[in-house]
Amino acid sequence: METVALYDVDSTTPNLALARIARAEGEKGNRVVRYDPTEPLLNAGRFDRIYASKIFTRSDGRFLDPERMEIGGTGVDLRKTLPPEIERLPPDWSLWPGFKDNLGFAMRGCRRRCDFCFVPEKEGRARPASTIKDLLVQDSDFLILLDNDFFGNPEWRERVDEIHRLDLTVNLSQGINVRSITDEQARALAGLVNARPNRGGSRLTNLHRTRGQFHFAWDNPKDEARVVAGISRLDAAGIKRWRMACYVLIGFNTTPAEDEHRVQTLRRLKIDPFVMPYDPDDARQARFARWANDKAIFGTVRTFSDYDGTVRYRPEIAAEPSAQAVLL
């Protein structure tokens, strides 16, 4: 029996690739453990193999050691993938004891080719990858779908039917493409949002299951007309605005004025913005995200120019009606 270690450098959710490696090594009869780089004396010479995964290019990779580790992940190499026989395995989540739900891809690839996104280069065109039932490896009715474009899946109708039939609550972690949503897809989304599953809430929820809400994205200012038209389709399908939230990429190829215009437009539409800095180390981008994403601040400080980075929530000024108050 060999001892194999898994090093998750920077995942924000449990690492699917490492969980599949854990399954593969466990089925060989090997002992699989998590690797902790902060314990070098304990780790030195202790493992037969170390698999490391780094998802983000800007995350701290100082503990990666190519001489000792098999390293993969989009933050290192877009072309490096798991062998097909491991990619097909169900994940083993036993090394993530706090994770009791389910996670995976019903599709891979994307029908779009956004300049800032690596998915088309890494995964190619949109295609089905799994049924919903195949992703349920733990005894939980909650599924985190990692699909990059849920309605870009040629089998999206079958996946929607499965979610209803299996009585699941689902988080579409990467959001939907509101720019190209059709009336049929808007109605299907409304059926998920407005359903009342086992706990009386929406079938679609945020990652923490605290609100029946889903996301879409508005990354390019030139897409305004298409985004607004998509929102109108969601309205017509019976989806309330407080159910909608919008990822807003800043700092890639937009101006500060374009960034604020998108955020203020979403405010007027009574839709939650969630700003995502392209460069989190850039001071202006970080401050802009802090202003827009802190709902107490955003609800009371009406423009970014009025935000000096030190404003904090004060009950005496929160009494003024705001878009956020309406959403709540």
C-alpha atoms as a PDB file:
ATOM      1  CA  MET A   1       0.000   0.000   0.000  1.00  0.00           C
ATOM      2  CA  GLU A   2       1.227   3.457  -0.930  1.00  0.00           C
ATOM      3  CA  THR A   3       0.452   6.765   0.742  1.00  0.00           C
ATOM      4  CA  VAL A   4      -0.837   9.410  -1.646  1.00  0.00           C
ATOM      5  CA  ALA A   5      -1.351  13.071  -0.715  1.00  0.00           C
ATOM      6  CA  LEU A   6      -3.707  15.610  -2.284  1.00  0.00           C
ATOM      7  CA  TYR A   7      -2.811  19.311  -2.203  1.00  0.00           C
ATOM      8  CA  ASP A   8      -5.665  21.734  -2.928  1.00  0.00           C
ATOM      9  CA  VAL A   9      -3.964  25.098  -3.392  1.00  0.00           C
ATOM     10  CA  ASP A  10      -6.890  27.477  -3.850  1.00  0.00           C
ATOM     11  CA  SER A  11     -10.291  25.936  -4.570  1.00  0.00           C
ATOM     12  CA  THR A  12     -13.271  27.906  -3.294  1.00  0.00           C
ATOM     13  CA  THR A  13     -15.420  24.755  -3.348  1.00  0.00           C
ATOM     14  CA  PRO A  14     -14.251  21.169  -2.782  1.00  0.00           C
ATOM     15  CA  ASN A  15     -11.890  20.194  -5.598  1.00  0.00           C
ATOM     16  CA  LEU A  16     -13.603  17.823  -8.024  1.00  0.00           C
ATOM     17  CA  ALA A  17     -10.447  16.646  -9.800  1.00  0.00           C
ATOM     18  CA  LEU A  18      -8.700  15.777  -6.537  1.00  0.00           C
ATOM     19  CA  ALA A  19     -11.824  13.986  -5.288  1.00  0.00           C
ATOM     20  CA  ARG A  20     -11.754  11.799  -8.410  1.00  0.00           C
ATOM     21  CA  ILE A  21      -8.058  11.074  -7.871  1.00  0.00           C
ATOM     22  CA  ALA A  22      -8.930  10.131  -4.291  1.00  0.00           C
ATOM     23  CA  ARG A  23     -11.473   7.634  -5.641  1.00  0.00           C
ATOM     24  CA  ALA A  24      -8.976   6.176  -8.112  1.00  0.00           C
ATOM     25  CA  GLU A  25      -6.209   5.770  -5.539  1.00  0.00           C
ATOM     26  CA  GLY A  26      -8.583   4.392  -2.927  1.00  0.00           C
ATOM     27  CA  GLU A  27      -9.820   1.741  -5.354  1.00  0.00           C
ATOM     28  CA  LYS A  28      -6.185   0.651  -5.777  1.00  0.00           C
ATOM     29  CA  GLY A  29      -6.008   0.078  -2.037  1.00  0.00           C
ATOM     30  CA  ASN A  30      -3.784   3.069  -1.367  1.00  0.00           C
ATOM     31  CA  ARG A  31      -4.008   5.361   1.618  1.00  0.00           C
ATOM     32  CA  VAL A  32      -5.088   8.875   0.596  1.00  0.00           C
ATOM     33  CA  VAL A  33      -4.575  11.967   2.794  1.00  0.00           C
ATOM     34  CA  ARG A  34      -4.719  15.739   2.469  1.00  0.00           C
ATOM     35  CA  TYR A  35      -1.415  17.552   2.111  1.00  0.00           C
ATOM     36  CA  ASP A  36      -0.680  20.493   4.411  1.00  0.00           C
ATOM     37  CA  PRO A  37       2.273  22.580   3.149  1.00  0.00           C
ATOM     38  CA  THR A  38       2.561  24.370   6.487  1.00  0.00           C
ATOM     39  CA  GLU A  39       3.866  21.164   8.085  1.00  0.00           C
ATOM     40  CA  PRO A  40       7.090  20.569   6.086  1.00  0.00           C
ATOM     41  CA  LEU A  41       8.816  18.463   8.755  1.00  0.00           C
ATOM     42  CA  LEU A  42       5.815  16.192   9.073  1.00  0.00           C
ATOM     43  CA  ASN A  43       5.414  15.973   5.297  1.00  0.00           C
ATOM     44  CA  ALA A  44       9.055  15.534   4.303  1.00  0.00           C
ATOM     45  CA  GLY A  45       9.595  12.193   2.597  1.00  0.00           C
ATOM     46  CA  ARG A  46       6.298  10.896   3.918  1.00  0.00           C
ATOM     47  CA  PHE A  47       4.371  10.370   0.690  1.00  0.00           C
ATOM     48  CA  ASP A  48       4.844   8.130  -2.306  1.00  0.00           C
ATOM     49  CA  ARG A  49       3.029  10.638  -4.522  1.00  0.00           C
ATOM     50  CA  ILE A  50       1.564  14.115  -4.175  1.00  0.00           C
ATOM     51  CA  TYR A  51      -1.116  15.443  -6.529  1.00  0.00           C
ATOM     52  CA  ALA A  52      -1.583  19.227  -6.472  1.00  0.00           C
ATOM     53  CA  SER A  53      -4.285  21.378  -8.039  1.00  0.00           C
ATOM     54  CA  LYS A  54      -4.077  25.149  -8.580  1.00  0.00           C
ATOM     55  CA  ILE A  55      -7.210  26.739 -10.052  1.00  0.00           C
ATOM     56  CA  PHE A  56      -6.378  30.454 -10.178  1.00  0.00           C
ATOM     57  CA  THR A  57      -3.355  32.000 -11.882  1.00  0.00           C
ATOM     58  CA  ARG A  58      -2.926  34.718  -9.242  1.00  0.00           C
ATOM     59  CA  SER A  59      -3.211  32.499  -6.165  1.00  0.00           C
ATOM     60  CA  ASP A  60      -0.185  31.708  -3.999  1.00  0.00           C
ATOM     61  CA  GLY A  61       1.704  28.765  -5.476  1.00  0.00           C
ATOM     62  CA  ARG A  62       4.906  29.089  -3.470  1.00  0.00           C
ATOM     63  CA  PHE A  63       4.504  25.663  -1.883  1.00  0.00           C
ATOM     64  CA  LEU A  64       4.223  23.867  -5.216  1.00  0.00           C
ATOM     65  CA  ASP A  65       7.207  21.654  -5.939  1.00  0.00           C
ATOM     66  CA  PRO A  66       7.350  20.197  -9.480  1.00  0.00           C
ATOM     67  CA  GLU A  67      10.055  17.757  -8.412  1.00  0.00           C
ATOM     68  CA  ARG A  68       7.844  16.148  -5.770  1.00  0.00           C
ATOM     69  CA  MET A  69       4.339  16.828  -7.083  1.00  0.00           C
ATOM     70  CA  GLU A  70       2.138  16.041 -10.044  1.00  0.00           C
ATOM     71  CA  ILE A  71       0.645  19.490 -10.616  1.00  0.00           C
ATOM     72  CA  GLY A  72      -2.472  20.370 -12.591  1.00  0.00           C
ATOM     73  CA  GLY A  73      -5.310  22.865 -12.706  1.00  0.00           C
ATOM     74  CA  THR A  74      -6.228  25.853 -14.847  1.00  0.00           C
ATOM     75  CA  GLY A  75      -3.911  28.085 -12.840  1.00  0.00           C
ATOM     76  CA  VAL A  76      -0.945  26.054 -14.099  1.00  0.00           C
ATOM     77  CA  ASP A  77      -1.738  24.378 -17.424  1.00  0.00           C
ATOM     78  CA  LEU A  78      -4.924  24.693 -19.481  1.00  0.00           C
ATOM     79  CA  ARG A  79      -4.138  21.592 -21.518  1.00  0.00           C
ATOM     80  CA  LYS A  80      -3.464  19.196 -18.682  1.00  0.00           C
ATOM     81  CA  THR A  81      -6.468  17.004 -17.882  1.00  0.00           C
ATOM     82  CA  LEU A  82      -7.250  13.893 -15.892  1.00  0.00           C
ATOM     83  CA  PRO A  83      -6.943  10.568 -17.731  1.00  0.00           C
ATOM     84  CA  PRO A  84     -10.362   9.563 -19.126  1.00  0.00           C
ATOM     85  CA  GLU A  85     -10.615   6.561 -16.822  1.00  0.00           C
ATOM     86  CA  ILE A  86     -10.277   8.870 -13.782  1.00  0.00           C
ATOM     87  CA  GLU A  87     -12.473  11.648 -15.226  1.00  0.00           C
ATOM     88  CA  ARG A  88     -15.321   9.129 -15.435  1.00  0.00           C
ATOM     89  CA  LEU A  89     -15.115   8.143 -11.765  1.00  0.00           C
ATOM     90  CA  PRO A  90     -17.527   9.504  -9.149  1.00  0.00           C
ATOM     91  CA  PRO A  91     -15.750  11.775  -6.653  1.00  0.00           C
ATOM     92  CA  ASP A  92     -14.785  10.578  -3.192  1.00  0.00           C
ATOM     93  CA  TRP A  93     -15.611  13.427  -0.800  1.00  0.00           C
ATOM     94  CA  SER A  94     -14.427  11.664   2.365  1.00  0.00           C
ATOM     95  CA  LEU A  95     -11.364  13.955   2.635  1.00  0.00           C
ATOM     96  CA  TRP A  96     -13.714  16.961   2.730  1.00  0.00           C
ATOM     97  CA  PRO A  97     -15.729  15.962   5.817  1.00  0.00           C
ATOM     98  CA  GLY A  98     -17.518  19.295   6.018  1.00  0.00           C
ATOM     99  CA  PHE A  99     -18.941  18.892   2.528  1.00  0.00           C
ATOM    100  CA  LYS A 100     -22.168  16.877   2.685  1.00  0.00           C
ATOM    101  CA  ASP A 101     -23.789  17.853  -0.621  1.00  0.00           C
ATOM    102  CA  ASN A 102     -23.159  17.092  -4.293  1.00  0.00           C
ATOM    103  CA  LEU A 103     -21.109  18.883  -6.923  1.00  0.00           C
ATOM    104  CA  GLY A 104     -20.260  18.358 -10.569  1.00  0.00           C
ATOM    105  CA  PHE A 105     -20.725  19.136 -14.253  1.00  0.00           C
ATOM    106  CA  ALA A 106     -23.763  18.188 -16.310  1.00  0.00           C
ATOM    107  CA  MET A 107     -22.007  19.758 -19.303  1.00  0.00           C
ATOM    108  CA  ARG A 108     -18.511  20.841 -20.308  1.00  0.00           C
ATOM    109  CA  GLY A 109     -17.336  23.549 -22.655  1.00  0.00           C
ATOM    110  CA  CYS A 110     -19.144  26.718 -23.691  1.00  0.00           C
ATOM    111  CA  ARG A 111     -20.887  28.087 -26.776  1.00  0.00           C
ATOM    112  CA  ARG A 112     -19.328  31.533 -26.233  1.00  0.00           C
ATOM    113  CA  ARG A 113     -15.738  32.691 -26.651  1.00  0.00           C
ATOM    114  CA  CYS A 114     -15.271  35.552 -24.182  1.00  0.00           C
ATOM    115  CA  ASP A 115     -11.749  37.001 -24.358  1.00  0.00           C
ATOM    116  CA  PHE A 116     -11.201  36.828 -20.598  1.00  0.00           C
ATOM    117  CA  CYS A 117     -12.345  33.195 -20.229  1.00  0.00           C
ATOM    118  CA  PHE A 118     -10.221  30.058 -20.596  1.00  0.00           C
ATOM    119  CA  VAL A 119     -13.125  27.575 -20.848  1.00  0.00           C
ATOM    120  CA  PRO A 120     -13.417  27.382 -24.661  1.00  0.00           C
ATOM    121  CA  GLU A 121      -9.665  26.807 -24.981  1.00  0.00           C
ATOM    122  CA  LYS A 122      -9.568  24.214 -22.226  1.00  0.00           C
ATOM    123  CA  GLU A 123     -12.867  22.402 -22.780  1.00  0.00           C
ATOM    124  CA  GLY A 124     -14.006  23.209 -26.314  1.00  0.00           C
ATOM    125  CA  ARG A 125     -17.602  23.430 -27.500  1.00  0.00           C
ATOM    126  CA  ALA A 126     -20.597  22.898 -25.233  1.00  0.00           C
ATOM    127  CA  ARG A 127     -21.554  19.247 -24.836  1.00  0.00           C
ATOM    128  CA  PRO A 128     -23.342  17.029 -22.303  1.00  0.00           C
ATOM    129  CA  ALA A 129     -21.106  15.493 -19.648  1.00  0.00           C
ATOM    130  CA  SER A 130     -23.384  13.727 -17.169  1.00  0.00           C
ATOM    131  CA  THR A 131     -26.946  13.226 -16.057  1.00  0.00           C
ATOM    132  CA  ILE A 132     -28.084  14.880 -12.856  1.00  0.00           C
ATOM    133  CA  LYS A 133     -28.636  11.489 -11.236  1.00  0.00           C
ATOM    134  CA  ASP A 134     -25.011  10.494 -11.871  1.00  0.00           C
ATOM    135  CA  LEU A 135     -23.826  13.518  -9.881  1.00  0.00           C
ATOM    136  CA  LEU A 136     -25.672  12.487  -6.713  1.00  0.00           C
ATOM    137  CA  VAL A 137     -22.994  10.541  -4.853  1.00  0.00           C
ATOM    138  CA  GLN A 138     -23.865  11.769  -1.341  1.00  0.00           C
ATOM    139  CA  ASP A 139     -27.130  11.540   0.586  1.00  0.00           C
ATOM    140  CA  SER A 140     -28.180  15.129  -0.015  1.00  0.00           C
ATOM    141  CA  ASP A 141     -30.888  16.881  -2.017  1.00  0.00           C
ATOM    142  CA  PHE A 142     -28.573  19.849  -2.770  1.00  0.00           C
ATOM    143  CA  LEU A 143     -26.497  19.943  -5.969  1.00  0.00           C
ATOM    144  CA  ILE A 144     -23.909  22.565  -6.952  1.00  0.00           C
ATOM    145  CA  LEU A 145     -23.744  22.590 -10.752  1.00  0.00           C
ATOM    146  CA  LEU A 146     -20.454  23.874 -12.167  1.00  0.00           C
ATOM    147  CA  ASP A 147     -21.782  24.152 -15.741  1.00  0.00           C
ATOM    148  CA  ASN A 148     -20.369  27.210 -17.485  1.00  0.00           C
ATOM    149  CA  ASP A 149     -23.548  27.786 -19.507  1.00  0.00           C
ATOM    150  CA  PHE A 150     -26.464  25.663 -18.273  1.00  0.00           C
ATOM    151  CA  PHE A 151     -28.755  26.458 -21.211  1.00  0.00           C
ATOM    152  CA  GLY A 152     -25.898  25.922 -23.670  1.00  0.00           C
ATOM    153  CA  ASN A 153     -26.153  22.214 -22.903  1.00  0.00           C
ATOM    154  CA  PRO A 154     -27.935  20.510 -25.828  1.00  0.00           C
ATOM    155  CA  GLU A 155     -29.671  18.353 -23.195  1.00  0.00           C
ATOM    156  CA  TRP A 156     -30.794  21.178 -20.905  1.00  0.00           C
ATOM    157  CA  ARG A 157     -34.463  20.115 -21.104  1.00  0.00           C
ATOM    158  CA  GLU A 158     -33.617  16.645 -19.813  1.00  0.00           C
ATOM    159  CA  ARG A 159     -31.551  18.130 -16.979  1.00  0.00           C
ATOM    160  CA  VAL A 160     -34.414  20.441 -15.929  1.00  0.00           C
ATOM    161  CA  ASP A 161     -36.806  17.477 -15.911  1.00  0.00           C
ATOM    162  CA  GLU A 162     -34.366  15.505 -13.727  1.00  0.00           C
ATOM    163  CA  ILE A 163     -34.041  18.321 -11.201  1.00  0.00           C
ATOM    164  CA  HIS A 164     -37.825  18.363 -10.782  1.00  0.00           C
ATOM    165  CA  ARG A 165     -38.216  14.599 -10.767  1.00  0.00           C
ATOM    166  CA  LEU A 166     -35.465  14.064  -8.192  1.00  0.00           C
ATOM    167  CA  ASP A 167     -36.865  16.869  -6.006  1.00  0.00           C
ATOM    168  CA  LEU A 168     -33.536  18.713  -5.790  1.00  0.00           C
ATOM    169  CA  THR A 169     -32.397  22.167  -4.789  1.00  0.00           C
ATOM    170  CA  VAL A 170     -29.690  23.407  -7.153  1.00  0.00           C
ATOM    171  CA  ASN A 171     -27.103  26.151  -7.271  1.00  0.00           C
ATOM    172  CA  LEU A 172     -26.022  27.223 -10.776  1.00  0.00           C
ATOM    173  CA  SER A 173     -22.661  28.447  -9.552  1.00  0.00           C
ATOM    174  CA  GLN A 174     -21.479  29.943 -12.856  1.00  0.00           C
ATOM    175  CA  GLY A 175     -24.801  31.599 -13.645  1.00  0.00           C
ATOM    176  CA  ILE A 176     -26.856  31.611 -16.831  1.00  0.00           C
ATOM    177  CA  ASN A 177     -26.398  33.477 -20.105  1.00  0.00           C
ATOM    178  CA  VAL A 178     -29.197  36.042 -19.985  1.00  0.00           C
ATOM    179  CA  ARG A 179     -28.076  37.613 -23.287  1.00  0.00           C
ATOM    180  CA  SER A 180     -29.275  34.639 -25.309  1.00  0.00           C
ATOM    181  CA  ILE A 181     -32.016  33.185 -23.126  1.00  0.00           C
ATOM    182  CA  THR A 182     -35.135  32.198 -25.062  1.00  0.00           C
ATOM    183  CA  ASP A 183     -38.756  32.402 -23.970  1.00  0.00           C
ATOM    184  CA  GLU A 184     -38.803  28.616 -23.528  1.00  0.00           C
ATOM    185  CA  GLN A 185     -35.682  28.697 -21.364  1.00  0.00           C
ATOM    186  CA  ALA A 186     -37.043  31.599 -19.307  1.00  0.00           C
ATOM    187  CA  ARG A 187     -40.199  29.588 -18.604  1.00  0.00           C
ATOM    188  CA  ALA A 188     -38.103  26.560 -17.614  1.00  0.00           C
ATOM    189  CA  LEU A 189     -36.035  28.752 -15.287  1.00  0.00           C
ATOM    190  CA  ALA A 190     -39.211  30.178 -13.774  1.00  0.00           C
ATOM    191  CA  GLY A 191     -40.412  26.638 -13.124  1.00  0.00           C
ATOM    192  CA  LEU A 192     -37.248  26.005 -11.105  1.00  0.00           C
ATOM    193  CA  VAL A 193     -37.231  29.354  -9.309  1.00  0.00           C
ATOM    194  CA  ASN A 194     -40.896  29.340  -8.378  1.00  0.00           C
ATOM    195  CA  ALA A 195     -41.101  25.668  -7.400  1.00  0.00           C
ATOM    196  CA  ARG A 196     -41.595  24.795  -3.732  1.00  0.00           C
ATOM    197  CA  PRO A 197     -39.411  21.739  -3.046  1.00  0.00           C
ATOM    198  CA  ASN A 198     -38.816  19.841   0.182  1.00  0.00           C
ATOM    199  CA  ARG A 199     -37.992  22.881   2.367  1.00  0.00           C
ATOM    200  CA  GLY A 200     -40.596  25.212   0.940  1.00  0.00           C
ATOM    201  CA  GLY A 201     -38.186  27.437  -1.003  1.00  0.00           C
ATOM    202  CA  SER A 202     -36.930  27.814  -4.559  1.00  0.00           C
ATOM    203  CA  ARG A 203     -35.339  24.944  -6.456  1.00  0.00           C
ATOM    204  CA  LEU A 204     -32.614  27.437  -7.423  1.00  0.00           C
ATOM    205  CA  THR A 205     -30.641  28.989  -4.592  1.00  0.00           C
ATOM    206  CA  ASN A 206     -27.390  30.725  -3.826  1.00  0.00           C
ATOM    207  CA  LEU A 207     -24.361  28.699  -2.782  1.00  0.00           C
ATOM    208  CA  HIS A 208     -25.197  28.877   0.927  1.00  0.00           C
ATOM    209  CA  ARG A 209     -28.901  28.100   0.469  1.00  0.00           C
ATOM    210  CA  THR A 210     -29.844  31.342   2.198  1.00  0.00           C
ATOM    211  CA  ARG A 211     -31.782  32.879  -0.689  1.00  0.00           C
ATOM    212  CA  GLY A 212     -33.735  31.600  -3.699  1.00  0.00           C
ATOM    213  CA  GLN A 213     -31.637  33.514  -6.181  1.00  0.00           C
ATOM    214  CA  PHE A 214     -29.668  32.841  -9.375  1.00  0.00           C
ATOM    215  CA  HIS A 215     -26.978  34.802 -11.241  1.00  0.00           C
ATOM    216  CA  PHE A 216     -26.325  35.940 -14.759  1.00  0.00           C
ATOM    217  CA  ALA A 217     -23.436  38.083 -16.036  1.00  0.00           C
ATOM    218  CA  TRP A 218     -22.996  41.468 -17.679  1.00  0.00           C
ATOM    219  CA  ASP A 219     -19.325  41.638 -18.566  1.00  0.00           C
ATOM    220  CA  ASN A 220     -19.341  43.744 -21.739  1.00  0.00           C
ATOM    221  CA  PRO A 221     -20.954  47.213 -21.617  1.00  0.00           C
ATOM    222  CA  LYS A 222     -21.916  46.798 -25.289  1.00  0.00           C
ATOM    223  CA  ASP A 223     -24.284  43.975 -24.300  1.00  0.00           C
ATOM    224  CA  GLU A 224     -26.650  46.315 -22.431  1.00  0.00           C
ATOM    225  CA  ALA A 225     -29.569  45.989 -24.857  1.00  0.00           C
ATOM    226  CA  ARG A 226     -29.278  42.186 -24.909  1.00  0.00           C
ATOM    227  CA  VAL A 227     -29.016  41.982 -21.115  1.00  0.00           C
ATOM    228  CA  VAL A 228     -32.076  44.193 -20.624  1.00  0.00           C
ATOM    229  CA  ALA A 229     -34.010  42.184 -23.221  1.00  0.00           C
ATOM    230  CA  GLY A 230     -33.110  38.968 -21.385  1.00  0.00           C
ATOM    231  CA  ILE A 231     -34.294  40.440 -18.094  1.00  0.00           C
ATOM    232  CA  SER A 232     -37.585  41.338 -19.781  1.00  0.00           C
ATOM    233  CA  ARG A 233     -37.976  37.703 -20.864  1.00  0.00           C
ATOM    234  CA  LEU A 234     -37.414  36.608 -17.271  1.00  0.00           C
ATOM    235  CA  ASP A 235     -40.009  39.158 -16.138  1.00  0.00           C
ATOM    236  CA  ALA A 236     -42.519  37.848 -18.666  1.00  0.00           C
ATOM    237  CA  ALA A 237     -41.925  34.296 -17.437  1.00  0.00           C
ATOM    238  CA  GLY A 238     -42.943  35.357 -13.916  1.00  0.00           C
ATOM    239  CA  ILE A 239     -39.553  35.641 -12.197  1.00  0.00           C
ATOM    240  CA  LYS A 240     -39.344  38.429  -9.611  1.00  0.00           C
ATOM    241  CA  ARG A 241     -36.412  40.834  -9.794  1.00  0.00           C
ATOM    242  CA  TRP A 242     -35.265  39.999  -6.251  1.00  0.00           C
ATOM    243  CA  ARG A 243     -34.569  36.473  -7.518  1.00  0.00           C
ATOM    244  CA  MET A 244     -31.986  37.850  -9.964  1.00  0.00           C
ATOM    245  CA  ALA A 245     -28.373  38.802  -9.278  1.00  0.00           C
ATOM    246  CA  CYS A 246     -25.716  39.831 -11.769  1.00  0.00           C
ATOM    247  CA  TYR A 247     -21.963  39.229 -11.936  1.00  0.00           C
ATOM    248  CA  VAL A 248     -20.179  42.370 -13.201  1.00  0.00           C
ATOM    249  CA  LEU A 249     -16.585  41.936 -14.405  1.00  0.00           C
ATOM    250  CA  ILE A 250     -14.489  45.082 -14.056  1.00  0.00           C
ATOM    251  CA  GLY A 251     -10.931  45.941 -14.980  1.00  0.00           C
ATOM    252  CA  PHE A 252     -10.555  43.698 -18.026  1.00  0.00           C
ATOM    253  CA  ASN A 253     -11.402  46.022 -20.920  1.00  0.00           C
ATOM    254  CA  THR A 254     -13.809  48.531 -19.369  1.00  0.00           C
ATOM    255  CA  THR A 255     -13.492  52.102 -18.109  1.00  0.00           C
ATOM    256  CA  PRO A 256     -14.422  53.220 -14.576  1.00  0.00           C
ATOM    257  CA  ALA A 257     -17.392  55.090 -16.058  1.00  0.00           C
ATOM    258  CA  GLU A 258     -18.601  51.923 -17.814  1.00  0.00           C
ATOM    259  CA  ASP A 259     -18.200  49.956 -14.601  1.00  0.00           C
ATOM    260  CA  GLU A 260     -20.346  52.361 -12.618  1.00  0.00           C
ATOM    261  CA  HIS A 261     -22.921  52.661 -15.392  1.00  0.00           C
ATOM    262  CA  ARG A 262     -23.566  48.922 -15.325  1.00  0.00           C
ATOM    263  CA  VAL A 263     -23.815  48.816 -11.539  1.00  0.00           C
ATOM    264  CA  GLN A 264     -26.141  51.833 -11.383  1.00  0.00           C
ATOM    265  CA  THR A 265     -28.299  50.411 -14.175  1.00  0.00           C
ATOM    266  CA  LEU A 266     -28.704  47.195 -12.195  1.00  0.00           C
ATOM    267  CA  ARG A 267     -29.582  49.267  -9.118  1.00  0.00           C
ATOM    268  CA  ARG A 268     -32.349  50.999 -11.075  1.00  0.00           C
ATOM    269  CA  LEU A 269     -33.572  47.628 -12.336  1.00  0.00           C
ATOM    270  CA  LYS A 270     -33.678  46.394  -8.706  1.00  0.00           C
ATOM    271  CA  ILE A 271     -31.194  43.596  -9.434  1.00  0.00           C
ATOM    272  CA  ASP A 272     -28.308  42.787  -7.088  1.00  0.00           C
ATOM    273  CA  PRO A 273     -24.893  43.474  -8.697  1.00  0.00           C
ATOM    274  CA  PHE A 274     -21.909  41.385  -7.669  1.00  0.00           C
ATOM    275  CA  VAL A 275     -18.674  42.980  -8.880  1.00  0.00           C
ATOM    276  CA  MET A 276     -15.766  40.707  -9.812  1.00  0.00           C
ATOM    277  CA  PRO A 277     -12.381  42.482 -10.210  1.00  0.00           C
ATOM    278  CA  TYR A 278     -10.225  41.132 -13.030  1.00  0.00           C
ATOM    279  CA  ASP A 279      -7.187  42.124 -10.954  1.00  0.00           C
ATOM    280  CA  PRO A 280      -8.045  41.879  -7.229  1.00  0.00           C
ATOM    281  CA  ASP A 281      -4.675  43.456  -6.391  1.00  0.00           C
ATOM    282  CA  ASP A 282      -5.631  46.676  -8.156  1.00  0.00           C
ATOM    283  CA  ALA A 283      -6.638  49.183  -5.477  1.00  0.00           C
ATOM    284  CA  ARG A 284      -9.423  50.876  -7.460  1.00  0.00           C
ATOM    285  CA  GLN A 285     -10.988  47.598  -8.542  1.00  0.00           C
ATOM    286  CA  ALA A 286     -10.868  46.259  -4.978  1.00  0.00           C
ATOM    287  CA  ARG A 287     -12.495  49.404  -3.559  1.00  0.00           C
ATOM    288  CA  PHE A 288     -15.158  49.464  -6.262  1.00  0.00           C
ATOM    289  CA  ALA A 289     -16.039  45.835  -5.508  1.00  0.00           C
ATOM    290  CA  ARG A 290     -16.184  46.569  -1.789  1.00  0.00           C
ATOM    291  CA  TRP A 291     -18.572  49.477  -2.391  1.00  0.00           C
ATOM    292  CA  ALA A 292     -20.901  47.543  -4.693  1.00  0.00           C
ATOM    293  CA  ASN A 293     -20.836  44.162  -2.958  1.00  0.00           C
ATOM    294  CA  ASP A 294     -21.399  45.338   0.606  1.00  0.00           C
ATOM    295  CA  LYS A 295     -25.170  45.781   0.484  1.00  0.00           C
ATOM    296  CA  ALA A 296     -25.314  48.008   3.568  1.00  0.00           C
ATOM    297  CA  ILE A 297     -22.810  50.400   1.983  1.00  0.00           C
ATOM    298  CA  PHE A 298     -24.259  50.183  -1.524  1.00  0.00           C
ATOM    299  CA  GLY A 299     -27.735  50.856  -0.232  1.00  0.00           C
ATOM    300  CA  THR A 300     -26.714  54.129   1.403  1.00  0.00           C
ATOM    301  CA  VAL A 301     -23.697  55.443  -0.542  1.00  0.00           C
ATOM    302  CA  ARG A 302     -25.273  56.163  -3.886  1.00  0.00           C
ATOM    303  CA  THR A 303     -22.179  56.741  -6.049  1.00  0.00           C
ATOM    304  CA  PHE A 304     -18.662  55.375  -6.030  1.00  0.00           C
ATOM    305  CA  SER A 305     -17.233  58.895  -5.906  1.00  0.00           C
ATOM    306  CA  ASP A 306     -18.940  59.330  -2.522  1.00  0.00           C
ATOM    307  CA  TYR A 307     -17.290  56.194  -1.172  1.00  0.00           C
ATOM    308  CA  ASP A 308     -13.913  56.863   0.442  1.00  0.00           C
ATOM    309  CA  GLY A 309     -13.198  53.305   1.576  1.00  0.00           C
ATOM    310  CA  THR A 310     -14.037  53.983   5.197  1.00  0.00           C
ATOM    311  CA  VAL A 311     -17.836  54.218   5.068  1.00  0.00           C
ATOM    312  CA  ARG A 312     -19.544  51.687   7.275  1.00  0.00           C
ATOM    313  CA  TYR A 313     -23.174  50.768   7.854  1.00  0.00           C
ATOM    314  CA  ARG A 314     -25.000  53.295  10.044  1.00  0.00           C
ATOM    315  CA  PRO A 315     -28.630  52.671  11.055  1.00  0.00           C
ATOM    316  CA  GLU A 316     -29.466  56.387  11.062  1.00  0.00           C
ATOM    317  CA  ILE A 317     -28.780  56.685   7.324  1.00  0.00           C
ATOM    318  CA  ALA A 318     -30.131  53.267   6.401  1.00  0.00           C
ATOM    319  CA  ALA A 319     -33.708  54.502   6.864  1.00  0.00           C
ATOM    320  CA  GLU A 320     -33.629  56.157   3.438  1.00  0.00           C
ATOM    321  CA  PRO A 321     -35.451  53.932   0.889  1.00  0.00           C
ATOM    322  CA  SER A 322     -33.081  52.269  -1.559  1.00  0.00           C
ATOM    323  CA  ALA A 323     -33.065  49.645  -4.270  1.00  0.00           C
ATOM    324  CA  GLN A 324     -31.629  47.159  -1.819  1.00  0.00           C
ATOM    325  CA  ALA A 325     -34.383  47.831   0.699  1.00  0.00           C
ATOM    326  CA  VAL A 326     -36.963  47.172  -2.007  1.00  0.00           C
ATOM    327  CA  LEU A 327     -35.262  43.897  -2.891  1.00  0.00           C
ATOM    328  CA  LEU A 328     -35.478  42.713   0.699  1.00  0.00           C
END
